[in-house]
Amino acid sequence: MTKLKFFDCNASFGTPMVPPIRYAETAQELLKEMDHYGIAEALVYHVRQCDDSPTVGNSILLDEIEGIYRLHGTLAILPTQTGELGTIDSIIGLMRGKNIRALRAFPAEHKYSMSRAALGVFYDIMTERKIPLIVNIGESSGLSGWHMIEKILSDVPDLTLIVTEQGCWGQDRFFRPLVERHANLYLDISRYELDGGIRDFVGKYGAERLLFGTAFPDWNPGGPVLMLTQADITNKEREMIASGNLERILGRVRL
């Protein structure tokens, strides 16, 4: 088998409020973890973007990853009505200057709705410029989490939406109807631990909609690495999931 290039769509660093057994306090420590598992690049956030606030965490993230080509930052967003993040023009200018090609939402932690009323300005700019939005569905969210995802995609059908950390028990009955209906919905495999799940999904929908992700440090990167390398799919499909799909998504962003 050709050596895979892994591009992680979902990793973080920094000291969490409730630290797991193992985590990376700094960007350099994250690189060491990635090297251990053979991961080439990662789309990352700093835990203070989630545990604290985007107004604090975004700046910390950008400072930490400055000059590190293997780490690609994601800005956390808030509703524009409160004025905490500045204007949309200033945010796009920041993304252009720092080559940020994805946004991330933590609606539960930061107490806001994912409705068009709250985030319409962001949704418009994301669809116009093909900027992906990453949302963590959460292992315990179940029906309510997928209702939120369905509402987002119904309100903004052209949005590129990446859903992460779906949970280890298999939530296919929630997400497969949405995959069939919404062409811009993507799923990471960090917790897609269903026996034969990747093989069955790829056989029915193709490999284009799955992205390699680890959810580090909440989960061990070895799990998704093993799942993907051992999945009963073609090498081409494996390469698409490992890095090709995410590179394609980020490559079409217009800043």
Protein backbone atom coordinates (compact mmCIF):
# COMPACT_ATOMS: atom_id res chain seq x y z
CA MET A 1 0.00 0.00 0.00
CA THR A 2 1.26 3.48 -0.87
CA LYS A 3 2.09 5.53 2.22
CA LEU A 4 -0.90 7.73 3.02
CA LYS A 5 -0.71 11.45 3.57
CA PHE A 6 -2.95 12.20 6.55
CA PHE A 7 -4.49 15.69 6.79
CA ASP A 8 -6.40 15.93 10.06
CA CYS A 9 -9.54 18.08 9.80
CA ASN A 10 -10.18 18.22 13.53
CA ALA A 11 -7.42 18.66 16.11
CA SER A 12 -6.73 21.15 18.87
CA PHE A 13 -4.02 22.21 21.28
CA GLY A 14 -3.81 24.24 24.48
CA THR A 15 -4.66 23.33 28.06
CA PRO A 16 -8.35 22.37 28.37
CA MET A 17 -10.41 23.32 31.43
CA VAL A 18 -10.77 19.59 32.10
CA PRO A 19 -7.51 18.15 30.73
CA PRO A 20 -7.61 14.66 29.21
CA ILE A 21 -4.91 12.12 29.97
CA ARG A 22 -2.73 13.42 27.13
CA TYR A 23 -2.86 16.73 25.31
CA ALA A 24 -0.61 19.20 23.50
CA GLU A 25 -0.17 22.46 25.37
CA THR A 26 1.49 24.23 22.45
CA ALA A 27 1.52 24.06 18.66
CA GLN A 28 5.00 22.55 18.77
CA GLU A 29 3.80 19.79 21.08
CA LEU A 30 0.93 19.11 18.69
CA LEU A 31 3.45 18.64 15.87
CA LYS A 32 5.24 16.01 17.97
CA GLU A 33 1.96 14.15 18.47
CA MET A 34 1.26 14.32 14.75
CA ASP A 35 4.72 12.98 13.96
CA HIS A 36 4.15 10.05 16.32
CA TYR A 37 1.04 9.00 14.35
CA GLY A 38 2.35 9.90 10.90
CA ILE A 39 -0.01 12.85 10.36
CA ALA A 40 1.36 15.39 7.89
CA GLU A 41 -0.96 18.38 8.35
CA ALA A 42 -3.89 19.45 10.47
CA LEU A 43 -6.75 21.93 10.48
CA VAL A 44 -6.59 23.15 14.07
CA TYR A 45 -8.10 25.31 16.77
CA HIS A 46 -6.90 26.39 20.20
CA VAL A 47 -8.97 25.17 23.15
CA ARG A 48 -9.45 28.72 24.37
CA GLN A 49 -11.48 29.41 21.23
CA CYS A 50 -13.97 26.97 22.76
CA ASP A 51 -13.40 27.03 26.54
CA ASP A 52 -12.91 30.80 26.71
CA SER A 53 -14.09 32.96 23.82
CA PRO A 54 -13.30 33.53 20.15
CA THR A 55 -12.30 37.08 21.05
CA VAL A 56 -9.47 35.63 23.12
CA GLY A 57 -8.81 32.27 21.52
CA ASN A 58 -8.63 33.38 17.88
CA SER A 59 -5.72 35.68 18.64
CA ILE A 60 -3.90 33.01 20.65
CA LEU A 61 -4.32 30.49 17.84
CA LEU A 62 -2.94 32.83 15.19
CA ASP A 63 0.07 33.72 17.31
CA GLU A 64 0.84 30.07 18.10
CA ILE A 65 0.71 28.74 14.53
CA GLU A 66 2.48 31.67 12.88
CA GLY A 67 5.04 30.29 10.44
CA ILE A 68 4.09 26.63 10.98
CA TYR A 69 3.07 25.48 7.51
CA ARG A 70 1.73 22.09 8.69
CA LEU A 71 -0.93 23.67 10.92
CA HIS A 72 -3.87 25.44 9.30
CA GLY A 73 -5.93 27.61 11.61
CA THR A 74 -9.70 27.94 11.91
CA LEU A 75 -11.39 31.03 13.34
CA ALA A 76 -14.25 30.58 15.78
CA ILE A 77 -17.30 32.72 15.06
CA LEU A 78 -20.02 34.52 17.02
CA PRO A 79 -23.19 36.30 15.91
CA THR A 80 -22.25 39.66 14.43
CA GLN A 81 -24.99 41.50 16.31
CA THR A 82 -22.91 41.73 19.49
CA GLY A 83 -19.97 43.29 17.65
CA GLU A 84 -17.41 41.20 19.53
CA LEU A 85 -15.44 40.03 16.49
CA GLY A 86 -15.54 43.23 14.45
CA THR A 87 -17.05 43.63 11.00
CA ILE A 88 -17.29 40.93 8.38
CA ASP A 89 -14.88 42.91 6.21
CA SER A 90 -12.30 42.95 9.00
CA ILE A 91 -12.75 39.22 9.59
CA ILE A 92 -12.29 38.42 5.90
CA GLY A 93 -9.25 40.69 5.85
CA LEU A 94 -7.80 38.77 8.79
CA MET A 95 -8.50 35.45 7.08
CA ARG A 96 -6.85 36.68 3.89
CA GLY A 97 -3.79 37.98 5.76
CA LYS A 98 -3.34 34.79 7.78
CA ASN A 99 -4.53 32.37 5.05
CA ILE A 100 -7.37 31.05 7.19
CA ARG A 101 -9.66 28.92 5.02
CA ALA A 102 -12.22 27.54 7.46
CA LEU A 103 -14.47 28.73 10.29
CA ARG A 104 -15.66 26.89 13.35
CA ALA A 105 -18.75 27.24 15.54
CA PHE A 106 -19.22 26.30 19.20
CA PRO A 107 -22.90 27.26 19.66
CA ALA A 108 -23.50 25.31 22.88
CA GLU A 109 -20.38 26.60 24.63
CA HIS A 110 -20.91 30.22 23.54
CA LYS A 111 -24.70 30.28 23.89
CA TYR A 112 -25.99 31.23 20.47
CA SER A 113 -28.28 29.88 17.79
CA MET A 114 -27.13 28.54 14.43
CA SER A 115 -30.14 30.16 12.77
CA ARG A 116 -29.94 32.44 9.76
CA ALA A 117 -31.22 35.25 11.99
CA ALA A 118 -28.10 34.95 14.14
CA LEU A 119 -25.46 34.03 11.55
CA GLY A 120 -26.92 35.17 8.24
CA VAL A 121 -24.06 37.54 7.48
CA PHE A 122 -21.55 34.74 8.03
CA TYR A 123 -23.60 32.26 6.03
CA ASP A 124 -23.77 34.64 3.07
CA ILE A 125 -20.02 35.21 3.01
CA MET A 126 -19.25 31.52 3.53
CA THR A 127 -21.43 30.41 0.64
CA GLU A 128 -20.19 33.20 -1.63
CA ARG A 129 -16.53 32.42 -0.93
CA LYS A 130 -16.95 28.64 -0.42
CA ILE A 131 -15.55 28.83 3.12
CA PRO A 132 -16.32 25.64 5.07
CA LEU A 133 -17.90 25.72 8.51
CA ILE A 134 -16.95 23.07 11.09
CA VAL A 135 -19.44 22.05 13.78
CA ASN A 136 -18.87 19.40 16.45
CA ILE A 137 -22.05 17.34 16.73
CA GLY A 138 -20.99 15.80 20.05
CA GLU A 139 -21.29 12.16 21.00
CA SER A 140 -24.27 12.72 23.31
CA SER A 141 -26.22 15.25 21.23
CA GLY A 142 -28.18 12.65 19.28
CA LEU A 143 -31.40 13.81 17.69
CA SER A 144 -31.13 17.43 18.83
CA GLY A 145 -27.67 17.81 17.29
CA TRP A 146 -28.72 16.40 13.95
CA HIS A 147 -31.87 18.52 13.98
CA MET A 148 -29.53 21.53 14.25
CA ILE A 149 -27.47 20.29 11.31
CA GLU A 150 -30.60 19.68 9.23
CA LYS A 151 -31.86 23.19 10.03
CA ILE A 152 -28.55 24.77 9.01
CA LEU A 153 -28.50 22.92 5.70
CA SER A 154 -32.17 23.67 5.03
CA ASP A 155 -31.60 27.38 5.65
CA VAL A 156 -28.25 27.50 3.81
CA PRO A 157 -28.20 24.65 1.26
CA ASP A 158 -25.04 25.90 -0.49
CA LEU A 159 -23.00 25.97 2.73
CA THR A 160 -20.01 23.63 2.94
CA LEU A 161 -20.58 22.04 6.35
CA ILE A 162 -18.16 19.67 8.08
CA VAL A 163 -19.65 17.74 11.01
CA THR A 164 -17.16 16.25 13.46
CA GLU A 165 -17.19 13.75 16.34
CA GLN A 166 -20.49 12.05 15.64
CA GLY A 167 -20.01 9.41 18.35
CA CYS A 168 -18.87 5.80 18.38
CA TRP A 169 -22.26 4.07 18.36
CA GLY A 170 -23.10 4.77 14.74
CA GLN A 171 -25.41 7.65 13.87
CA ASP A 172 -25.99 6.65 10.24
CA ARG A 173 -29.77 6.76 10.65
CA PHE A 174 -29.42 10.45 11.45
CA PHE A 175 -26.87 11.52 8.88
CA ARG A 176 -27.43 9.31 5.83
CA PRO A 177 -30.76 10.99 4.92
CA LEU A 178 -28.94 14.35 5.12
CA VAL A 179 -26.01 13.11 3.02
CA GLU A 180 -28.47 12.07 0.32
CA ARG A 181 -30.22 15.43 0.40
CA HIS A 182 -27.32 17.87 0.86
CA ALA A 183 -24.32 17.63 -1.48
CA ASN A 184 -22.11 19.91 0.65
CA LEU A 185 -22.31 17.93 3.89
CA TYR A 186 -19.07 16.24 4.98
CA LEU A 187 -18.37 13.96 7.95
CA ASP A 188 -15.12 13.35 9.78
CA ILE A 189 -14.25 9.78 10.76
CA SER A 190 -12.76 10.54 14.18
CA ARG A 191 -15.53 8.61 15.95
CA TYR A 192 -17.00 6.60 13.07
CA GLU A 193 -16.10 3.34 14.77
CA LEU A 194 -18.98 1.30 13.41
CA ASP A 195 -17.74 -2.10 12.22
CA GLY A 196 -17.60 -1.92 8.43
CA GLY A 197 -19.07 1.57 8.51
CA ILE A 198 -16.52 3.25 6.25
CA ARG A 199 -16.70 0.41 3.71
CA ASP A 200 -20.50 0.48 3.62
CA PHE A 201 -20.71 4.29 3.44
CA VAL A 202 -18.16 4.49 0.62
CA GLY A 203 -19.89 1.68 -1.25
CA LYS A 204 -23.19 3.57 -1.21
CA TYR A 205 -22.18 7.25 -1.37
CA GLY A 206 -18.58 7.27 -2.56
CA ALA A 207 -15.50 8.42 -0.66
CA GLU A 208 -15.91 12.16 -1.39
CA ARG A 209 -17.96 12.96 1.72
CA LEU A 210 -15.67 11.56 4.43
CA LEU A 211 -12.70 13.38 5.97
CA PHE A 212 -9.90 12.05 8.13
CA GLY A 213 -10.09 13.56 11.61
CA THR A 214 -8.73 12.60 15.02
CA ALA A 215 -10.51 14.87 17.55
CA PHE A 216 -7.18 15.06 19.38
CA PRO A 217 -6.79 15.34 22.36
CA ASP A 218 -10.25 14.10 23.33
CA TRP A 219 -9.56 10.84 21.49
CA ASN A 220 -6.46 8.94 20.48
CA PRO A 221 -5.37 9.59 16.86
CA GLY A 222 -4.38 5.95 16.49
CA GLY A 223 -8.03 4.93 16.25
CA PRO A 224 -8.98 6.75 13.04
CA VAL A 225 -5.54 6.07 11.53
CA LEU A 226 -6.09 2.34 12.06
CA MET A 227 -9.71 2.47 10.87
CA LEU A 228 -8.78 4.13 7.61
CA THR A 229 -5.67 2.11 6.82
CA GLN A 230 -7.56 -1.15 7.43
CA ALA A 231 -10.90 -0.21 5.84
CA ASP A 232 -11.99 -2.49 3.01
CA ILE A 233 -11.92 0.21 0.32
CA THR A 234 -9.62 0.99 -2.61
CA ASN A 235 -6.31 2.82 -2.19
CA LYS A 236 -7.72 5.73 -4.19
CA GLU A 237 -10.69 6.01 -1.85
CA ARG A 238 -8.37 5.80 1.15
CA GLU A 239 -6.23 8.64 -0.22
CA MET A 240 -9.30 10.80 -0.80
CA ILE A 241 -10.44 10.40 2.80
CA ALA A 242 -6.94 10.74 4.26
CA SER A 243 -6.22 14.12 2.68
CA GLY A 244 -7.56 14.59 -0.84
CA ASN A 245 -11.10 15.60 0.08
CA LEU A 246 -10.03 18.21 2.61
CA GLU A 247 -7.40 19.62 0.25
CA ARG A 248 -10.09 19.96 -2.41
CA ILE A 249 -12.46 21.76 -0.01
CA LEU A 250 -9.80 24.19 1.17
CA GLY A 251 -8.44 24.69 -2.35
CA ARG A 252 -11.71 26.13 -3.67
CA VAL A 253 -11.98 28.80 -0.95
CA ARG A 254 -11.83 32.34 -2.35
CA LEU A 255 -10.49 34.86 0.15
